Amino acid sequence: MEVNIHEAKTHLSRLLQRVAAGEEVTIARAGVPVARLVAVKPKPNKVRPLGMDRGRIWIADDFDAPLPDDLLKAFYGGKLPPLEKPRRRKRR
């Protein structure tokens, strides 16, 4: 099936339904084919088995420990920002 660009823009949903059903659609400009709509083959699901990297990955016990001040200063341009006090909620 061949359609012009205007028709393709106007009826894109319908054309995609036809493509999903196995049809191939060619889009033409002034009768010259410029694009082809074809169905995409679904990718197979790659199921990774649990534990496939066991023994290859190591996480330090202190991976979530606070950073040293000198490293924090590097993130903040050489000066640590003041610590914010937690805001207290007003009682009603």
N, C-alpha and C. Protein backbone atom coordinates (compact mmCIF):
# COMPACT_ATOMS: atom_id res chain seq x y z
N MET A 1 0.85 -1.17 0.00
CA MET A 1 0.00 0.00 0.00
C MET A 1 0.89 1.24 0.00
N GLU A 2 0.55 2.24 -0.78
CA GLU A 2 1.31 3.49 -0.84
C GLU A 2 0.38 4.66 -0.55
N VAL A 3 0.82 5.57 0.34
CA VAL A 3 0.03 6.75 0.69
C VAL A 3 0.94 7.98 0.61
N ASN A 4 0.30 9.14 0.42
CA ASN A 4 1.11 10.36 0.42
C ASN A 4 1.31 10.85 1.86
N ILE A 5 2.18 11.81 2.05
CA ILE A 5 2.54 12.27 3.39
C ILE A 5 1.32 12.83 4.13
N HIS A 6 0.52 13.63 3.46
CA HIS A 6 -0.66 14.20 4.10
C HIS A 6 -1.60 13.11 4.60
N GLU A 7 -1.85 12.13 3.79
CA GLU A 7 -2.73 11.03 4.18
C GLU A 7 -2.12 10.24 5.34
N ALA A 8 -0.80 10.07 5.32
CA ALA A 8 -0.13 9.34 6.40
C ALA A 8 -0.27 10.09 7.72
N LYS A 9 -0.12 11.41 7.69
CA LYS A 9 -0.27 12.21 8.91
C LYS A 9 -1.71 12.16 9.40
N THR A 10 -2.65 12.23 8.48
CA THR A 10 -4.06 12.27 8.85
C THR A 10 -4.54 10.93 9.41
N HIS A 11 -4.06 9.83 8.85
CA HIS A 11 -4.57 8.50 9.20
C HIS A 11 -3.48 7.61 9.80
N LEU A 12 -2.57 8.19 10.57
CA LEU A 12 -1.44 7.41 11.11
C LEU A 12 -1.92 6.23 11.96
N SER A 13 -2.91 6.43 12.80
CA SER A 13 -3.39 5.34 13.65
C SER A 13 -3.90 4.18 12.82
N ARG A 14 -4.66 4.47 11.79
CA ARG A 14 -5.19 3.41 10.93
C ARG A 14 -4.06 2.69 10.21
N LEU A 15 -3.09 3.46 9.74
CA LEU A 15 -1.96 2.84 9.04
C LEU A 15 -1.17 1.94 9.98
N LEU A 16 -0.99 2.36 11.22
CA LEU A 16 -0.26 1.53 12.17
C LEU A 16 -1.01 0.24 12.49
N GLN A 17 -2.34 0.31 12.50
CA GLN A 17 -3.12 -0.92 12.70
C GLN A 17 -2.90 -1.90 11.55
N ARG A 18 -2.86 -1.37 10.35
CA ARG A 18 -2.64 -2.23 9.19
C ARG A 18 -1.23 -2.83 9.21
N VAL A 19 -0.26 -2.00 9.63
CA VAL A 19 1.12 -2.49 9.72
C VAL A 19 1.21 -3.58 10.78
N ALA A 20 0.54 -3.38 11.91
CA ALA A 20 0.55 -4.39 12.97
C ALA A 20 -0.09 -5.69 12.50
N ALA A 21 -0.99 -5.61 11.55
CA ALA A 21 -1.64 -6.79 11.01
C ALA A 21 -0.78 -7.48 9.95
N GLY A 22 0.39 -6.92 9.66
CA GLY A 22 1.31 -7.57 8.72
C GLY A 22 1.47 -6.88 7.39
N GLU A 23 0.73 -5.81 7.16
CA GLU A 23 0.82 -5.11 5.88
C GLU A 23 2.01 -4.15 5.91
N GLU A 24 2.55 -3.83 4.75
CA GLU A 24 3.63 -2.86 4.63
C GLU A 24 3.09 -1.61 3.96
N VAL A 25 3.41 -0.44 4.50
CA VAL A 25 2.90 0.83 3.97
C VAL A 25 4.09 1.67 3.53
N THR A 26 4.01 2.18 2.29
CA THR A 26 5.04 3.07 1.76
C THR A 26 4.48 4.48 1.76
N ILE A 27 5.27 5.43 2.28
CA ILE A 27 4.86 6.83 2.29
C ILE A 27 5.64 7.55 1.20
N ALA A 28 4.89 8.28 0.37
CA ALA A 28 5.50 8.93 -0.78
C ALA A 28 5.27 10.44 -0.74
N ARG A 29 6.23 11.16 -1.32
CA ARG A 29 6.09 12.61 -1.50
C ARG A 29 6.10 12.86 -3.00
N ALA A 30 5.00 13.39 -3.49
CA ALA A 30 4.84 13.66 -4.93
C ALA A 30 5.06 12.38 -5.74
N GLY A 31 4.57 11.27 -5.21
CA GLY A 31 4.67 10.00 -5.93
C GLY A 31 6.01 9.30 -5.78
N VAL A 32 6.97 9.92 -5.09
CA VAL A 32 8.29 9.31 -4.91
C VAL A 32 8.36 8.73 -3.49
N PRO A 33 8.58 7.42 -3.36
CA PRO A 33 8.64 6.82 -2.03
C PRO A 33 9.77 7.41 -1.19
N VAL A 34 9.44 7.77 0.07
CA VAL A 34 10.45 8.35 0.96
C VAL A 34 10.59 7.55 2.26
N ALA A 35 9.59 6.75 2.62
CA ALA A 35 9.66 5.99 3.86
C ALA A 35 8.79 4.75 3.74
N ARG A 36 9.10 3.77 4.62
CA ARG A 36 8.32 2.54 4.62
C ARG A 36 7.97 2.20 6.06
N LEU A 37 6.69 1.94 6.32
CA LEU A 37 6.25 1.52 7.64
C LEU A 37 6.16 0.00 7.64
N VAL A 38 6.89 -0.61 8.56
CA VAL A 38 6.86 -2.06 8.69
C VAL A 38 6.74 -2.40 10.17
N ALA A 39 6.20 -3.55 10.47
CA ALA A 39 6.06 -3.98 11.85
C ALA A 39 7.43 -4.29 12.45
N VAL A 40 7.56 -4.00 13.72
CA VAL A 40 8.79 -4.28 14.45
C VAL A 40 8.65 -5.64 15.10
N LYS A 41 9.68 -6.45 14.93
CA LYS A 41 9.65 -7.77 15.57
C LYS A 41 9.94 -7.58 17.05
N PRO A 42 9.14 -8.18 17.91
CA PRO A 42 9.38 -8.02 19.34
C PRO A 42 10.70 -8.68 19.74
N LYS A 43 11.40 -8.01 20.65
CA LYS A 43 12.66 -8.56 21.14
C LYS A 43 12.35 -9.68 22.13
N PRO A 44 13.12 -10.74 22.07
CA PRO A 44 12.89 -11.81 23.05
C PRO A 44 13.28 -11.33 24.45
N ASN A 45 12.50 -11.74 25.43
CA ASN A 45 12.80 -11.36 26.81
C ASN A 45 14.05 -12.09 27.27
N LYS A 46 15.03 -11.31 27.67
CA LYS A 46 16.25 -11.91 28.21
C LYS A 46 16.06 -12.04 29.71
N VAL A 47 15.86 -13.23 30.15
CA VAL A 47 15.70 -13.47 31.57
C VAL A 47 17.07 -13.79 32.14
N ARG A 48 17.48 -12.95 33.07
CA ARG A 48 18.77 -13.18 33.71
C ARG A 48 18.57 -14.07 34.93
N PRO A 49 19.29 -15.15 35.00
CA PRO A 49 19.12 -16.04 36.14
C PRO A 49 19.60 -15.38 37.43
N LEU A 50 18.88 -15.66 38.51
CA LEU A 50 19.28 -15.11 39.80
C LEU A 50 20.63 -15.65 40.20
N GLY A 51 21.46 -14.77 40.74
CA GLY A 51 22.77 -15.18 41.23
C GLY A 51 23.82 -15.33 40.16
N MET A 52 23.57 -14.85 38.94
CA MET A 52 24.54 -15.05 37.87
C MET A 52 25.86 -14.32 38.10
N ASP A 53 25.85 -13.27 38.94
CA ASP A 53 27.09 -12.54 39.24
C ASP A 53 27.57 -12.79 40.66
N ARG A 54 27.09 -13.83 41.30
CA ARG A 54 27.48 -14.13 42.66
C ARG A 54 29.00 -14.31 42.71
N GLY A 55 29.60 -13.63 43.68
CA GLY A 55 31.05 -13.73 43.85
C GLY A 55 31.82 -12.74 42.99
N ARG A 56 31.17 -12.02 42.10
CA ARG A 56 31.85 -11.06 41.23
C ARG A 56 31.64 -9.62 41.69
N ILE A 57 30.67 -9.42 42.56
CA ILE A 57 30.34 -8.07 43.03
C ILE A 57 30.59 -8.01 44.52
N TRP A 58 31.17 -6.89 44.95
CA TRP A 58 31.46 -6.70 46.36
C TRP A 58 31.01 -5.30 46.76
N ILE A 59 30.31 -5.19 47.87
CA ILE A 59 29.87 -3.89 48.39
C ILE A 59 30.47 -3.71 49.76
N ALA A 60 31.15 -2.60 49.95
CA ALA A 60 31.81 -2.32 51.23
C ALA A 60 30.77 -2.18 52.34
N ASP A 61 31.17 -2.55 53.55
CA ASP A 61 30.27 -2.44 54.70
C ASP A 61 29.87 -1.00 54.97
N ASP A 62 30.76 -0.06 54.64
CA ASP A 62 30.48 1.36 54.93
C ASP A 62 30.10 2.14 53.66
N PHE A 63 29.49 1.49 52.68
CA PHE A 63 29.19 2.17 51.41
C PHE A 63 28.25 3.36 51.59
N ASP A 64 27.46 3.36 52.65
CA ASP A 64 26.54 4.47 52.86
C ASP A 64 26.97 5.38 54.01
N ALA A 65 28.22 5.29 54.39
CA ALA A 65 28.75 6.14 55.46
C ALA A 65 28.88 7.58 54.95
N PRO A 66 28.84 8.58 55.84
CA PRO A 66 29.01 9.97 55.40
C PRO A 66 30.37 10.18 54.75
N LEU A 67 30.40 11.07 53.78
CA LEU A 67 31.65 11.37 53.09
C LEU A 67 32.54 12.23 53.98
N PRO A 68 33.88 12.14 53.81
CA PRO A 68 34.78 13.00 54.57
C PRO A 68 34.59 14.46 54.18
N ASP A 69 34.91 15.36 55.12
CA ASP A 69 34.69 16.80 54.89
C ASP A 69 35.42 17.32 53.65
N ASP A 70 36.66 16.87 53.42
CA ASP A 70 37.40 17.39 52.26
C ASP A 70 36.70 17.02 50.94
N LEU A 71 36.11 15.84 50.87
CA LEU A 71 35.38 15.45 49.67
C LEU A 71 34.07 16.22 49.55
N LEU A 72 33.38 16.43 50.67
CA LEU A 72 32.15 17.22 50.65
C LEU A 72 32.44 18.65 50.21
N LYS A 73 33.55 19.21 50.68
CA LYS A 73 33.92 20.59 50.28
C LYS A 73 34.12 20.67 48.77
N ALA A 74 34.68 19.63 48.17
CA ALA A 74 34.89 19.63 46.72
C ALA A 74 33.54 19.69 45.98
N PHE A 75 32.51 19.04 46.52
CA PHE A 75 31.19 19.09 45.90
C PHE A 75 30.56 20.47 46.04
N TYR A 76 30.84 21.16 47.13
CA TYR A 76 30.21 22.45 47.41
C TYR A 76 31.11 23.63 47.10
N GLY A 77 32.11 23.46 46.28
CA GLY A 77 32.96 24.57 45.87
C GLY A 77 33.92 25.05 46.94
N GLY A 78 34.34 24.19 47.85
CA GLY A 78 35.36 24.55 48.83
C GLY A 78 34.83 24.94 50.19
N LYS A 79 33.53 25.06 50.35
CA LYS A 79 32.98 25.47 51.64
C LYS A 79 31.75 24.63 51.93
N LEU A 80 31.70 24.10 53.15
CA LEU A 80 30.54 23.29 53.52
C LEU A 80 29.36 24.18 53.84
N PRO A 81 28.17 23.82 53.37
CA PRO A 81 26.99 24.63 53.70
C PRO A 81 26.61 24.40 55.16
N PRO A 82 25.95 25.37 55.77
CA PRO A 82 25.54 25.17 57.15
C PRO A 82 24.48 24.07 57.24
N LEU A 83 24.53 23.32 58.32
CA LEU A 83 23.55 22.26 58.51
C LEU A 83 22.20 22.86 58.83
N GLU A 84 21.17 22.31 58.22
CA GLU A 84 19.82 22.80 58.49
C GLU A 84 19.24 22.04 59.67
N LYS A 85 18.57 22.78 60.54
CA LYS A 85 17.90 22.14 61.65
C LYS A 85 16.57 21.60 61.14
N PRO A 86 16.17 20.42 61.61
CA PRO A 86 14.88 19.90 61.17
C PRO A 86 13.76 20.82 61.59
N ARG A 87 12.84 21.04 60.71
CA ARG A 87 11.70 21.92 61.00
C ARG A 87 10.73 21.19 61.90
N ARG A 88 10.21 21.90 62.87
CA ARG A 88 9.23 21.32 63.77
C ARG A 88 7.84 21.57 63.20
N ARG A 89 7.02 20.59 63.32
CA ARG A 89 5.65 20.74 62.85
C ARG A 89 4.84 21.48 63.89
N LYS A 90 3.99 22.35 63.43
CA LYS A 90 3.11 23.08 64.35
C LYS A 90 1.99 22.18 64.83
N ARG A 91 1.71 22.28 66.10
CA ARG A 91 0.60 21.52 66.65
C ARG A 91 -0.68 22.27 66.40
N ARG A 92 -1.72 21.53 66.23
CA ARG A 92 -3.02 22.16 66.01
C ARG A 92 -3.85 22.11 67.24
